Structures are given as structure tokens and as C-alpha cells.
Amino acid sequence: MQVYRIFRMKEATRQQFRWAPHTSGATPVKPKDFEPAGEVQSPTVYSAWSALQASDRALEVGDLLESADGELRIYKYVGFEVANWVLPEVKSGLETAPVAAGGSPAAEQSIGTV
């Protein structure tokens, strides 16, 4: 039996998602737009959906199920489709630092006078 982690889409994002046109292919999702909401054990995503529908934790359009191997599925009006986490680019801070030109001017003057 597979274990799926449940991620609930935040309400503000859900309203935008509900009115967006349907797209084909993998749906890019941002971790900041979701909140972890526990786990469910089930053989498939559709049986997980069915089990949750019969409980007080029913999935809503935009919610995610993530399998133990990292496969991510988003619940849309047409069923479950592939989704991928979009992680923000990590910046080191060196992008805006000036390029070093070989040392300080004082060090260059002392080397030239020897």
C-alpha cells in the first residue's frame, strides 16, 4: 500500500487556480502556496481521493498528493495530473559583488617600489 502526503493549496492561490485555463503537461507548483495536511494510505491516487471524499478531509481542486518516491499529482477538475515543485533560485549574493582586480592599490604600489 502506497503512502501519499497531502498538501492543501492556500485559499488565495486556490481562487486564482480555479479560474485559470486548463493547461496540458506538468503543472508547476510553488511550495509557498501549499500547506502539509497529513498522509493517506492507498494503492492509487484515485483510491486515496475516494477514501478522502468519504471523510471530513475531502480533497479540493488544487490540492496535491505526493507519493513516497516523490511523484507529485495535482487534483484538477479533470482528475489527477502530474505536477512539479518549482523551487526558488538560490542566490549566493556574489552576483552583485564587484569583480576583484587583484588586490588593494596600496599593495600594488609597495610591490612596484622594491
PDB file of N, CA and C in Angstrom:
ATOM      1  N   MET A   1       0.856  -1.185   0.000  1.00  0.00           N
ATOM      2  CA  MET A   1       0.000   0.000   0.000  1.00  0.00           C
ATOM      3  C   MET A   1       0.896   1.240   0.000  1.00  0.00           C
ATOM      4  N   GLN A   2       0.572   2.177  -0.826  1.00  0.00           N
ATOM      5  CA  GLN A   2       1.323   3.422  -1.002  1.00  0.00           C
ATOM      6  C   GLN A   2       0.906   4.451   0.057  1.00  0.00           C
ATOM      7  N   VAL A   3       1.857   5.257   0.514  1.00  0.00           N
ATOM      8  CA  VAL A   3       1.570   6.367   1.425  1.00  0.00           C
ATOM      9  C   VAL A   3       1.713   7.657   0.631  1.00  0.00           C
ATOM     10  N   TYR A   4       0.672   8.477   0.671  1.00  0.00           N
ATOM     11  CA  TYR A   4       0.679   9.766  -0.015  1.00  0.00           C
ATOM     12  C   TYR A   4       0.644  10.882   1.010  1.00  0.00           C
ATOM     13  N   ARG A   5       1.539  11.864   0.827  1.00  0.00           N
ATOM     14  CA  ARG A   5       1.497  13.078   1.644  1.00  0.00           C
ATOM     15  C   ARG A   5       0.499  14.034   0.999  1.00  0.00           C
ATOM     16  N   ILE A   6      -0.315  14.664   1.821  1.00  0.00           N
ATOM     17  CA  ILE A   6      -1.335  15.591   1.338  1.00  0.00           C
ATOM     18  C   ILE A   6      -0.842  17.021   1.531  1.00  0.00           C
ATOM     19  N   PHE A   7      -0.977  17.830   0.491  1.00  0.00           N
ATOM     20  CA  PHE A   7      -0.654  19.253   0.568  1.00  0.00           C
ATOM     21  C   PHE A   7      -1.893  20.022   0.139  1.00  0.00           C
ATOM     22  N   ARG A   8      -2.371  20.906   1.008  1.00  0.00           N
ATOM     23  CA  ARG A   8      -3.553  21.722   0.726  1.00  0.00           C
ATOM     24  C   ARG A   8      -3.119  23.057   0.139  1.00  0.00           C
ATOM     25  N   MET A   9      -3.761  23.431  -0.953  1.00  0.00           N
ATOM     26  CA  MET A   9      -3.473  24.721  -1.569  1.00  0.00           C
ATOM     27  C   MET A   9      -4.059  25.821  -0.683  1.00  0.00           C
ATOM     28  N   LYS A  10      -3.289  26.889  -0.481  1.00  0.00           N
ATOM     29  CA  LYS A  10      -3.774  28.024   0.298  1.00  0.00           C
ATOM     30  C   LYS A  10      -4.937  28.677  -0.447  1.00  0.00           C
ATOM     31  N   GLU A  11      -5.880  29.212   0.305  1.00  0.00           N
ATOM     32  CA  GLU A  11      -7.139  29.680  -0.277  1.00  0.00           C
ATOM     33  C   GLU A  11      -6.959  30.784  -1.313  1.00  0.00           C
ATOM     34  N   ALA A  12      -6.076  31.737  -1.076  1.00  0.00           N
ATOM     35  CA  ALA A  12      -5.865  32.829  -2.042  1.00  0.00           C
ATOM     36  C   ALA A  12      -5.364  32.268  -3.374  1.00  0.00           C
ATOM     37  N   THR A  13      -4.462  31.329  -3.318  1.00  0.00           N
ATOM     38  CA  THR A  13      -3.934  30.702  -4.531  1.00  0.00           C
ATOM     39  C   THR A  13      -4.998  29.842  -5.196  1.00  0.00           C
ATOM     40  N   ARG A  14      -5.826  29.180  -4.393  1.00  0.00           N
ATOM     41  CA  ARG A  14      -6.877  28.310  -4.940  1.00  0.00           C
ATOM     42  C   ARG A  14      -7.841  29.102  -5.826  1.00  0.00           C
ATOM     43  N   GLN A  15      -8.197  30.314  -5.415  1.00  0.00           N
ATOM     44  CA  GLN A  15      -9.124  31.118  -6.211  1.00  0.00           C
ATOM     45  C   GLN A  15      -8.526  31.448  -7.585  1.00  0.00           C
ATOM     46  N   GLN A  16      -7.247  31.758  -7.625  1.00  0.00           N
ATOM     47  CA  GLN A  16      -6.578  32.023  -8.902  1.00  0.00           C
ATOM     48  C   GLN A  16      -6.518  30.751  -9.741  1.00  0.00           C
ATOM     49  N   PHE A  17      -6.210  29.630  -9.101  1.00  0.00           N
ATOM     50  CA  PHE A  17      -6.079  28.349  -9.791  1.00  0.00           C
ATOM     51  C   PHE A  17      -7.415  27.918 -10.397  1.00  0.00           C
ATOM     52  N   ARG A  18      -8.494  28.108  -9.661  1.00  0.00           N
ATOM     53  CA  ARG A  18      -9.824  27.677 -10.118  1.00  0.00           C
ATOM     54  C   ARG A  18     -10.234  28.387 -11.403  1.00  0.00           C
ATOM     55  N   TRP A  19      -9.840  29.647 -11.555  1.00  0.00           N
ATOM     56  CA  TRP A  19     -10.259  30.417 -12.711  1.00  0.00           C
ATOM     57  C   TRP A  19      -9.247  30.415 -13.850  1.00  0.00           C
ATOM     58  N   ALA A  20      -8.100  29.824 -13.643  1.00  0.00           N
ATOM     59  CA  ALA A  20      -7.078  29.767 -14.697  1.00  0.00           C
ATOM     60  C   ALA A  20      -7.492  28.739 -15.756  1.00  0.00           C
ATOM     61  N   PRO A  21      -7.133  28.973 -17.013  1.00  0.00           N
ATOM     62  CA  PRO A  21      -7.465  27.995 -18.051  1.00  0.00           C
ATOM     63  C   PRO A  21      -6.702  26.695 -17.831  1.00  0.00           C
ATOM     64  N   HIS A  22      -7.304  25.593 -18.282  1.00  0.00           N
ATOM     65  CA  HIS A  22      -6.656  24.289 -18.152  1.00  0.00           C
ATOM     66  C   HIS A  22      -5.448  24.231 -19.077  1.00  0.00           C
ATOM     67  N   THR A  23      -4.357  23.708 -18.566  1.00  0.00           N
ATOM     68  CA  THR A  23      -3.146  23.547 -19.363  1.00  0.00           C
ATOM     69  C   THR A  23      -2.782  22.076 -19.411  1.00  0.00           C
ATOM     70  N   SER A  24      -2.126  21.677 -20.483  1.00  0.00           N
ATOM     71  CA  SER A  24      -1.683  20.291 -20.574  1.00  0.00           C
ATOM     72  C   SER A  24      -0.221  20.209 -20.135  1.00  0.00           C
ATOM     73  N   GLY A  25       0.218  19.026 -19.826  1.00  0.00           N
ATOM     74  CA  GLY A  25       1.588  18.843 -19.358  1.00  0.00           C
ATOM     75  C   GLY A  25       1.672  18.993 -17.849  1.00  0.00           C
ATOM     76  N   ALA A  26       2.883  18.906 -17.341  1.00  0.00           N
ATOM     77  CA  ALA A  26       3.113  19.003 -15.899  1.00  0.00           C
ATOM     78  C   ALA A  26       2.791  20.412 -15.398  1.00  0.00           C
ATOM     79  N   THR A  27       2.112  20.483 -14.274  1.00  0.00           N
ATOM     80  CA  THR A  27       1.748  21.768 -13.665  1.00  0.00           C
ATOM     81  C   THR A  27       2.843  22.197 -12.699  1.00  0.00           C
ATOM     82  N   PRO A  28       3.440  23.368 -12.908  1.00  0.00           N
ATOM     83  CA  PRO A  28       4.447  23.850 -11.951  1.00  0.00           C
ATOM     84  C   PRO A  28       3.752  24.405 -10.702  1.00  0.00           C
ATOM     85  N   VAL A  29       4.195  23.973  -9.520  1.00  0.00           N
ATOM     86  CA  VAL A  29       3.612  24.443  -8.261  1.00  0.00           C
ATOM     87  C   VAL A  29       4.723  24.929  -7.335  1.00  0.00           C
ATOM     88  N   LYS A  30       4.409  25.956  -6.547  1.00  0.00           N
ATOM     89  CA  LYS A  30       5.385  26.538  -5.624  1.00  0.00           C
ATOM     90  C   LYS A  30       5.080  26.072  -4.204  1.00  0.00           C
ATOM     91  N   PRO A  31       6.087  25.614  -3.476  1.00  0.00           N
ATOM     92  CA  PRO A  31       5.864  25.162  -2.097  1.00  0.00           C
ATOM     93  C   PRO A  31       5.212  26.207  -1.207  1.00  0.00           C
ATOM     94  N   LYS A  32       5.466  27.493  -1.450  1.00  0.00           N
ATOM     95  CA  LYS A  32       4.898  28.561  -0.607  1.00  0.00           C
ATOM     96  C   LYS A  32       3.378  28.634  -0.718  1.00  0.00           C
ATOM     97  N   ASP A  33       2.803  28.044  -1.767  1.00  0.00           N
ATOM     98  CA  ASP A  33       1.361  28.093  -1.985  1.00  0.00           C
ATOM     99  C   ASP A  33       0.611  26.924  -1.356  1.00  0.00           C
ATOM    100  N   PHE A  34       1.327  26.043  -0.634  1.00  0.00           N
ATOM    101  CA  PHE A  34       0.720  24.836  -0.079  1.00  0.00           C
ATOM    102  C   PHE A  34       1.085  24.650   1.383  1.00  0.00           C
ATOM    103  N   GLU A  35       0.209  23.918   2.094  1.00  0.00           N
ATOM    104  CA  GLU A  35       0.456  23.575   3.494  1.00  0.00           C
ATOM    105  C   GLU A  35       0.336  22.057   3.653  1.00  0.00           C
ATOM    106  N   PRO A  36       1.286  21.421   4.344  1.00  0.00           N
ATOM    107  CA  PRO A  36       1.166  19.977   4.592  1.00  0.00           C
ATOM    108  C   PRO A  36      -0.099  19.686   5.393  1.00  0.00           C
ATOM    109  N   ALA A  37      -0.766  18.580   5.048  1.00  0.00           N
ATOM    110  CA  ALA A  37      -2.034  18.252   5.719  1.00  0.00           C
ATOM    111  C   ALA A  37      -2.145  16.766   6.025  1.00  0.00           C
ATOM    112  N   GLY A  38      -1.030  16.143   6.377  1.00  0.00           N
ATOM    113  CA  GLY A  38      -1.075  14.744   6.784  1.00  0.00           C
ATOM    114  C   GLY A  38      -0.790  13.777   5.659  1.00  0.00           C
ATOM    115  N   GLU A  39      -1.206  12.537   5.870  1.00  0.00           N
ATOM    116  CA  GLU A  39      -0.943  11.456   4.925  1.00  0.00           C
ATOM    117  C   GLU A  39      -2.173  10.593   4.778  1.00  0.00           C
ATOM    118  N   VAL A  40      -2.185   9.817   3.700  1.00  0.00           N
ATOM    119  CA  VAL A  40      -3.241   8.845   3.476  1.00  0.00           C
ATOM    120  C   VAL A  40      -2.596   7.610   2.841  1.00  0.00           C
ATOM    121  N   GLN A  41      -3.050   6.432   3.268  1.00  0.00           N
ATOM    122  CA  GLN A  41      -2.556   5.180   2.698  1.00  0.00           C
ATOM    123  C   GLN A  41      -3.566   4.661   1.700  1.00  0.00           C
ATOM    124  N   SER A  42      -3.080   4.352   0.501  1.00  0.00           N
ATOM    125  CA  SER A  42      -3.972   3.884  -0.546  1.00  0.00           C
ATOM    126  C   SER A  42      -3.133   3.322  -1.691  1.00  0.00           C
ATOM    127  N   PRO A  43      -3.685   2.389  -2.475  1.00  0.00           N
ATOM    128  CA  PRO A  43      -2.913   1.823  -3.583  1.00  0.00           C
ATOM    129  C   PRO A  43      -2.710   2.793  -4.751  1.00  0.00           C
ATOM    130  N   THR A  44      -3.660   3.718  -4.989  1.00  0.00           N
ATOM    131  CA  THR A  44      -3.542   4.671  -6.092  1.00  0.00           C
ATOM    132  C   THR A  44      -4.041   6.045  -5.641  1.00  0.00           C
ATOM    133  N   VAL A  45      -3.746   7.069  -6.453  1.00  0.00           N
ATOM    134  CA  VAL A  45      -4.219   8.415  -6.111  1.00  0.00           C
ATOM    135  C   VAL A  45      -5.742   8.490  -6.170  1.00  0.00           C
ATOM    136  N   TYR A  46      -6.343   7.745  -7.080  1.00  0.00           N
ATOM    137  CA  TYR A  46      -7.809   7.790  -7.186  1.00  0.00           C
ATOM    138  C   TYR A  46      -8.490   7.095  -6.015  1.00  0.00           C
ATOM    139  N   SER A  47      -7.896   6.021  -5.515  1.00  0.00           N
ATOM    140  CA  SER A  47      -8.480   5.392  -4.329  1.00  0.00           C
ATOM    141  C   SER A  47      -8.243   6.260  -3.095  1.00  0.00           C
ATOM    142  N   ALA A  48      -7.130   7.006  -3.078  1.00  0.00           N
ATOM    143  CA  ALA A  48      -6.890   7.962  -1.988  1.00  0.00           C
ATOM    144  C   ALA A  48      -7.942   9.067  -2.046  1.00  0.00           C
ATOM    145  N   TRP A  49      -8.226   9.553  -3.237  1.00  0.00           N
ATOM    146  CA  TRP A  49      -9.254  10.577  -3.418  1.00  0.00           C
ATOM    147  C   TRP A  49     -10.612  10.074  -2.921  1.00  0.00           C
ATOM    148  N   SER A  50     -10.941   8.828  -3.300  1.00  0.00           N
ATOM    149  CA  SER A  50     -12.216   8.241  -2.899  1.00  0.00           C
ATOM    150  C   SER A  50     -12.312   8.105  -1.380  1.00  0.00           C
ATOM    151  N   ALA A  51     -11.230   7.645  -0.752  1.00  0.00           N
ATOM    152  CA  ALA A  51     -11.224   7.484   0.709  1.00  0.00           C
ATOM    153  C   ALA A  51     -11.371   8.835   1.409  1.00  0.00           C
ATOM    154  N   LEU A  52     -10.702   9.848   0.877  1.00  0.00           N
ATOM    155  CA  LEU A  52     -10.779  11.175   1.487  1.00  0.00           C
ATOM    156  C   LEU A  52     -12.138  11.826   1.251  1.00  0.00           C
ATOM    157  N   GLN A  53     -12.781  11.546   0.123  1.00  0.00           N
ATOM    158  CA  GLN A  53     -14.104  12.101  -0.155  1.00  0.00           C
ATOM    159  C   GLN A  53     -15.124  11.633   0.876  1.00  0.00           C
ATOM    160  N   ALA A  54     -14.943  10.420   1.385  1.00  0.00           N
ATOM    161  CA  ALA A  54     -15.873   9.863   2.361  1.00  0.00           C
ATOM    162  C   ALA A  54     -15.575  10.340   3.782  1.00  0.00           C
ATOM    163  N   SER A  55     -14.557  11.183   3.937  1.00  0.00           N
ATOM    164  CA  SER A  55     -14.183  11.669   5.267  1.00  0.00           C
ATOM    165  C   SER A  55     -14.399  13.180   5.342  1.00  0.00           C
ATOM    166  N   ASP A  56     -13.983  13.765   6.449  1.00  0.00           N
ATOM    167  CA  ASP A  56     -14.073  15.224   6.590  1.00  0.00           C
ATOM    168  C   ASP A  56     -12.841  15.928   6.013  1.00  0.00           C
ATOM    169  N   ARG A  57     -11.949  15.170   5.362  1.00  0.00           N
ATOM    170  CA  ARG A  57     -10.718  15.727   4.790  1.00  0.00           C
ATOM    171  C   ARG A  57     -10.727  15.656   3.263  1.00  0.00           C
ATOM    172  N   ALA A  58     -11.876  15.820   2.637  1.00  0.00           N
ATOM    173  CA  ALA A  58     -12.001  15.700   1.183  1.00  0.00           C
ATOM    174  C   ALA A  58     -11.033  16.630   0.457  1.00  0.00           C
ATOM    175  N   LEU A  59     -10.468  16.125  -0.634  1.00  0.00           N
ATOM    176  CA  LEU A  59      -9.573  16.943  -1.449  1.00  0.00           C
ATOM    177  C   LEU A  59     -10.389  17.976  -2.224  1.00  0.00           C
ATOM    178  N   GLU A  60      -9.793  19.141  -2.408  1.00  0.00           N
ATOM    179  CA  GLU A  60     -10.398  20.192  -3.213  1.00  0.00           C
ATOM    180  C   GLU A  60      -9.522  20.426  -4.433  1.00  0.00           C
ATOM    181  N   VAL A  61     -10.090  21.032  -5.442  1.00  0.00           N
ATOM    182  CA  VAL A  61      -9.345  21.333  -6.658  1.00  0.00           C
ATOM    183  C   VAL A  61      -8.107  22.147  -6.286  1.00  0.00           C
ATOM    184  N   GLY A  62      -6.947  21.684  -6.754  1.00  0.00           N
ATOM    185  CA  GLY A  62      -5.679  22.354  -6.469  1.00  0.00           C
ATOM    186  C   GLY A  62      -4.841  21.654  -5.418  1.00  0.00           C
ATOM    187  N   ASP A  63      -5.425  20.734  -4.651  1.00  0.00           N
ATOM    188  CA  ASP A  63      -4.666  20.010  -3.631  1.00  0.00           C
ATOM    189  C   ASP A  63      -3.724  19.000  -4.289  1.00  0.00           C
ATOM    190  N   LEU A  64      -2.661  18.662  -3.573  1.00  0.00           N
ATOM    191  CA  LEU A  64      -1.633  17.760  -4.090  1.00  0.00           C
ATOM    192  C   LEU A  64      -1.552  16.471  -3.287  1.00  0.00           C
ATOM    193  N   LEU A  65      -1.163  15.405  -3.969  1.00  0.00           N
ATOM    194  CA  LEU A  65      -0.775  14.152  -3.319  1.00  0.00           C
ATOM    195  C   LEU A  65       0.633  13.828  -3.797  1.00  0.00           C
ATOM    196  N   GLU A  66       1.522  13.553  -2.839  1.00  0.00           N
ATOM    197  CA  GLU A  66       2.911  13.221  -3.160  1.00  0.00           C
ATOM    198  C   GLU A  66       3.203  11.818  -2.667  1.00  0.00           C
ATOM    199  N   SER A  67       3.656  10.953  -3.577  1.00  0.00           N
ATOM    200  CA  SER A  67       3.977   9.577  -3.197  1.00  0.00           C
ATOM    201  C   SER A  67       5.326   9.526  -2.490  1.00  0.00           C
ATOM    202  N   ALA A  68       5.641   8.374  -1.910  1.00  0.00           N
ATOM    203  CA  ALA A  68       6.896   8.208  -1.176  1.00  0.00           C
ATOM    204  C   ALA A  68       8.111   8.385  -2.079  1.00  0.00           C
ATOM    205  N   ASP A  69       7.953   8.088  -3.366  1.00  0.00           N
ATOM    206  CA  ASP A  69       9.083   8.240  -4.289  1.00  0.00           C
ATOM    207  C   ASP A  69       9.168   9.653  -4.895  1.00  0.00           C
ATOM    208  N   GLY A  70       8.328  10.575  -4.404  1.00  0.00           N
ATOM    209  CA  GLY A  70       8.402  11.968  -4.817  1.00  0.00           C
ATOM    210  C   GLY A  70       7.511  12.341  -5.986  1.00  0.00           C
ATOM    211  N   GLU A  71       6.740  11.388  -6.521  1.00  0.00           N
ATOM    212  CA  GLU A  71       5.839  11.701  -7.622  1.00  0.00           C
ATOM    213  C   GLU A  71       4.707  12.584  -7.109  1.00  0.00           C
ATOM    214  N   LEU A  72       4.493  13.697  -7.780  1.00  0.00           N
ATOM    215  CA  LEU A  72       3.531  14.695  -7.329  1.00  0.00           C
ATOM    216  C   LEU A  72       2.357  14.747  -8.297  1.00  0.00           C
ATOM    217  N   ARG A  73       1.131  14.697  -7.753  1.00  0.00           N
ATOM    218  CA  ARG A  73      -0.097  14.767  -8.555  1.00  0.00           C
ATOM    219  C   ARG A  73      -0.984  15.874  -8.004  1.00  0.00           C
ATOM    220  N   ILE A  74      -1.528  16.688  -8.914  1.00  0.00           N
ATOM    221  CA  ILE A  74      -2.417  17.768  -8.527  1.00  0.00           C
ATOM    222  C   ILE A  74      -3.843  17.401  -8.929  1.00  0.00           C
ATOM    223  N   TYR A  75      -4.785  17.685  -8.040  1.00  0.00           N
ATOM    224  CA  TYR A  75      -6.183  17.380  -8.290  1.00  0.00           C
ATOM    225  C   TYR A  75      -6.810  18.529  -9.068  1.00  0.00           C
ATOM    226  N   LYS A  76      -7.248  18.228 -10.294  1.00  0.00           N
ATOM    227  CA  LYS A  76      -7.913  19.215 -11.151  1.00  0.00           C
ATOM    228  C   LYS A  76      -9.336  18.732 -11.417  1.00  0.00           C
ATOM    229  N   TYR A  77     -10.112  19.552 -12.092  1.00  0.00           N
ATOM    230  CA  TYR A  77     -11.490  19.181 -12.427  1.00  0.00           C
ATOM    231  C   TYR A  77     -11.541  17.907 -13.264  1.00  0.00           C
ATOM    232  N   VAL A  78     -10.511  17.658 -14.059  1.00  0.00           N
ATOM    233  CA  VAL A  78     -10.493  16.502 -14.957  1.00  0.00           C
ATOM    234  C   VAL A  78      -9.860  15.268 -14.324  1.00  0.00           C
ATOM    235  N   GLY A  79      -9.427  15.357 -13.095  1.00  0.00           N
ATOM    236  CA  GLY A  79      -8.767  14.245 -12.403  1.00  0.00           C
ATOM    237  C   GLY A  79      -7.404  14.672 -11.902  1.00  0.00           C
ATOM    238  N   PHE A  80      -6.523  13.707 -11.728  1.00  0.00           N
ATOM    239  CA  PHE A  80      -5.171  13.991 -11.247  1.00  0.00           C
ATOM    240  C   PHE A  80      -4.217  14.120 -12.421  1.00  0.00           C
ATOM    241  N   GLU A  81      -3.353  15.120 -12.347  1.00  0.00           N
ATOM    242  CA  GLU A  81      -2.341  15.315 -13.372  1.00  0.00           C
ATOM    243  C   GLU A  81      -0.982  15.501 -12.707  1.00  0.00           C
ATOM    244  N   VAL A  82       0.054  15.294 -13.478  1.00  0.00           N
ATOM    245  CA  VAL A  82       1.427  15.421 -12.988  1.00  0.00           C
ATOM    246  C   VAL A  82       1.710  16.872 -12.612  1.00  0.00           C
ATOM    247  N   ALA A  83       2.418  17.059 -11.523  1.00  0.00           N
ATOM    248  CA  ALA A  83       2.851  18.394 -11.080  1.00  0.00           C
ATOM    249  C   ALA A  83       4.331  18.307 -10.693  1.00  0.00           C
ATOM    250  N   ASN A  84       4.988  19.431 -10.708  1.00  0.00           N
ATOM    251  CA  ASN A  84       6.398  19.518 -10.315  1.00  0.00           C
ATOM    252  C   ASN A  84       6.592  20.713  -9.402  1.00  0.00           C
ATOM    253  N   TRP A  85       7.376  20.513  -8.344  1.00  0.00           N
ATOM    254  CA  TRP A  85       7.719  21.634  -7.470  1.00  0.00           C
ATOM    255  C   TRP A  85       8.616  22.583  -8.237  1.00  0.00           C
ATOM    256  N   VAL A  86       8.351  23.861  -8.129  1.00  0.00           N
ATOM    257  CA  VAL A  86       9.200  24.907  -8.685  1.00  0.00           C
ATOM    258  C   VAL A  86       9.877  25.558  -7.490  1.00  0.00           C
ATOM    259  N   LEU A  87      11.160  25.296  -7.348  1.00  0.00           N
ATOM    260  CA  LEU A  87      11.906  25.833  -6.208  1.00  0.00           C
ATOM    261  C   LEU A  87      12.548  27.156  -6.590  1.00  0.00           C
ATOM    262  N   PRO A  88      12.540  28.121  -5.674  1.00  0.00           N
ATOM    263  CA  PRO A  88      13.164  29.405  -5.994  1.00  0.00           C
ATOM    264  C   PRO A  88      14.654  29.237  -6.214  1.00  0.00           C
ATOM    265  N   GLU A  89      15.193  30.052  -7.108  1.00  0.00           N
ATOM    266  CA  GLU A  89      16.616  30.007  -7.392  1.00  0.00           C
ATOM    267  C   GLU A  89      17.383  30.548  -6.189  1.00  0.00           C
ATOM    268  N   VAL A  90      18.374  29.802  -5.742  1.00  0.00           N
ATOM    269  CA  VAL A  90      19.179  30.218  -4.600  1.00  0.00           C
ATOM    270  C   VAL A  90      20.287  31.129  -5.101  1.00  0.00           C
ATOM    271  N   LYS A  91      20.329  32.331  -4.552  1.00  0.00           N
ATOM    272  CA  LYS A  91      21.365  33.290  -4.950  1.00  0.00           C
ATOM    273  C   LYS A  91      22.401  33.380  -3.845  1.00  0.00           C
ATOM    274  N   SER A  92      23.646  33.364  -4.242  1.00  0.00           N
ATOM    275  CA  SER A  92      24.735  33.385  -3.268  1.00  0.00           C
ATOM    276  C   SER A  92      25.076  34.798  -2.807  1.00  0.00           C
ATOM    277  N   GLY A  93      24.605  35.809  -3.506  1.00  0.00           N
ATOM    278  CA  GLY A  93      24.942  37.185  -3.163  1.00  0.00           C
ATOM    279  C   GLY A  93      26.155  37.677  -3.931  1.00  0.00           C
ATOM    280  N   LEU A  94      26.851  36.772  -4.599  1.00  0.00           N
ATOM    281  CA  LEU A  94      28.037  37.160  -5.360  1.00  0.00           C
ATOM    282  C   LEU A  94      27.688  37.790  -6.700  1.00  0.00           C
ATOM    283  N   GLU A  95      26.435  37.682  -7.112  1.00  0.00           N
ATOM    284  CA  GLU A  95      26.038  38.247  -8.398  1.00  0.00           C
ATOM    285  C   GLU A  95      26.214  39.765  -8.432  1.00  0.00           C
ATOM    286  N   THR A  96      26.033  40.425  -7.292  1.00  0.00           N
ATOM    287  CA  THR A  96      26.118  41.884  -7.256  1.00  0.00           C
ATOM    288  C   THR A  96      27.457  42.386  -6.707  1.00  0.00           C
ATOM    289  N   ALA A  97      28.329  41.495  -6.280  1.00  0.00           N
ATOM    290  CA  ALA A  97      29.633  41.906  -5.732  1.00  0.00           C
ATOM    291  C   ALA A  97      30.548  42.344  -6.874  1.00  0.00           C
ATOM    292  N   PRO A  98      31.359  43.382  -6.645  1.00  0.00           N
ATOM    293  CA  PRO A  98      32.287  43.813  -7.698  1.00  0.00           C
ATOM    294  C   PRO A  98      33.353  42.755  -7.951  1.00  0.00           C
ATOM    295  N   VAL A  99      33.823  42.708  -9.164  1.00  0.00           N
ATOM    296  CA  VAL A  99      34.849  41.740  -9.533  1.00  0.00           C
ATOM    297  C   VAL A  99      36.188  42.204  -8.968  1.00  0.00           C
ATOM    298  N   ALA A 100      36.901  41.306  -8.304  1.00  0.00           N
ATOM    299  CA  ALA A 100      38.203  41.645  -7.724  1.00  0.00           C
ATOM    300  C   ALA A 100      39.208  41.850  -8.850  1.00  0.00           C
ATOM    301  N   ALA A 101      40.069  42.864  -8.691  1.00  0.00           N
ATOM    302  CA  ALA A 101      41.044  43.187  -9.733  1.00  0.00           C
ATOM    303  C   ALA A 101      42.460  42.850  -9.315  1.00  0.00           C
ATOM    304  N   GLY A 102      42.644  42.032  -8.300  1.00  0.00           N
ATOM    305  CA  GLY A 102      43.987  41.597  -7.942  1.00  0.00           C
ATOM    306  C   GLY A 102      44.539  42.165  -6.665  1.00  0.00           C
ATOM    307  N   GLY A 103      43.781  42.847  -5.877  1.00  0.00           N
ATOM    308  CA  GLY A 103      44.298  43.334  -4.600  1.00  0.00           C
ATOM    309  C   GLY A 103      44.084  44.828  -4.428  1.00  0.00           C
ATOM    310  N   SER A 104      44.593  45.360  -3.310  1.00  0.00           N
ATOM    311  CA  SER A 104      44.395  46.758  -2.995  1.00  0.00           C
ATOM    312  C   SER A 104      45.443  47.632  -3.712  1.00  0.00           C
ATOM    313  N   PRO A 105      45.140  48.898  -3.951  1.00  0.00           N
ATOM    314  CA  PRO A 105      46.104  49.802  -4.608  1.00  0.00           C
ATOM    315  C   PRO A 105      47.383  49.966  -3.784  1.00  0.00           C
ATOM    316  N   ALA A 106      47.287  49.962  -2.447  1.00  0.00           N
ATOM    317  CA  ALA A 106      48.468  50.118  -1.604  1.00  0.00           C
ATOM    318  C   ALA A 106      49.422  48.948  -1.790  1.00  0.00           C
ATOM    319  N   ALA A 107      48.885  47.758  -1.929  1.00  0.00           N
ATOM    320  CA  ALA A 107      49.739  46.567  -2.125  1.00  0.00           C
ATOM    321  C   ALA A 107      50.441  46.636  -3.455  1.00  0.00           C
ATOM    322  N   GLU A 108      49.773  47.152  -4.492  1.00  0.00           N
ATOM    323  CA  GLU A 108      50.393  47.251  -5.805  1.00  0.00           C
ATOM    324  C   GLU A 108      51.520  48.282  -5.801  1.00  0.00           C
ATOM    325  N   GLN A 109      51.371  49.396  -5.052  1.00  0.00           N
ATOM    326  CA  GLN A 109      52.415  50.433  -5.007  1.00  0.00           C
ATOM    327  C   GLN A 109      53.653  49.900  -4.290  1.00  0.00           C
ATOM    328  N   SER A 110      53.471  49.157  -3.198  1.00  0.00           N
ATOM    329  CA  SER A 110      54.640  48.661  -2.462  1.00  0.00           C
ATOM    330  C   SER A 110      55.402  47.615  -3.273  1.00  0.00           C
ATOM    331  N   ILE A 111      54.725  46.859  -4.096  1.00  0.00           N
ATOM    332  CA  ILE A 111      55.393  45.857  -4.920  1.00  0.00           C
ATOM    333  C   ILE A 111      56.206  46.560  -6.013  1.00  0.00           C
ATOM    334  N   GLY A 112      55.683  47.631  -6.584  1.00  0.00           N
ATOM    335  CA  GLY A 112      56.365  48.329  -7.667  1.00  0.00           C
ATOM    336  C   GLY A 112      57.595  49.093  -7.220  1.00  0.00           C
ATOM    337  N   THR A 113      57.764  49.433  -5.937  1.00  0.00           N
ATOM    338  CA  THR A 113      58.887  50.240  -5.482  1.00  0.00           C
ATOM    339  C   THR A 113      60.057  49.411  -5.013  1.00  0.00           C
ATOM    340  N   VAL A 114      59.937  48.126  -4.982  1.00  0.00           N
ATOM    341  CA  VAL A 114      61.022  47.300  -4.464  1.00  0.00           C
ATOM    342  C   VAL A 114      62.100  47.101  -5.473  1.00  0.00           C
TER     343      VAL A 114
END
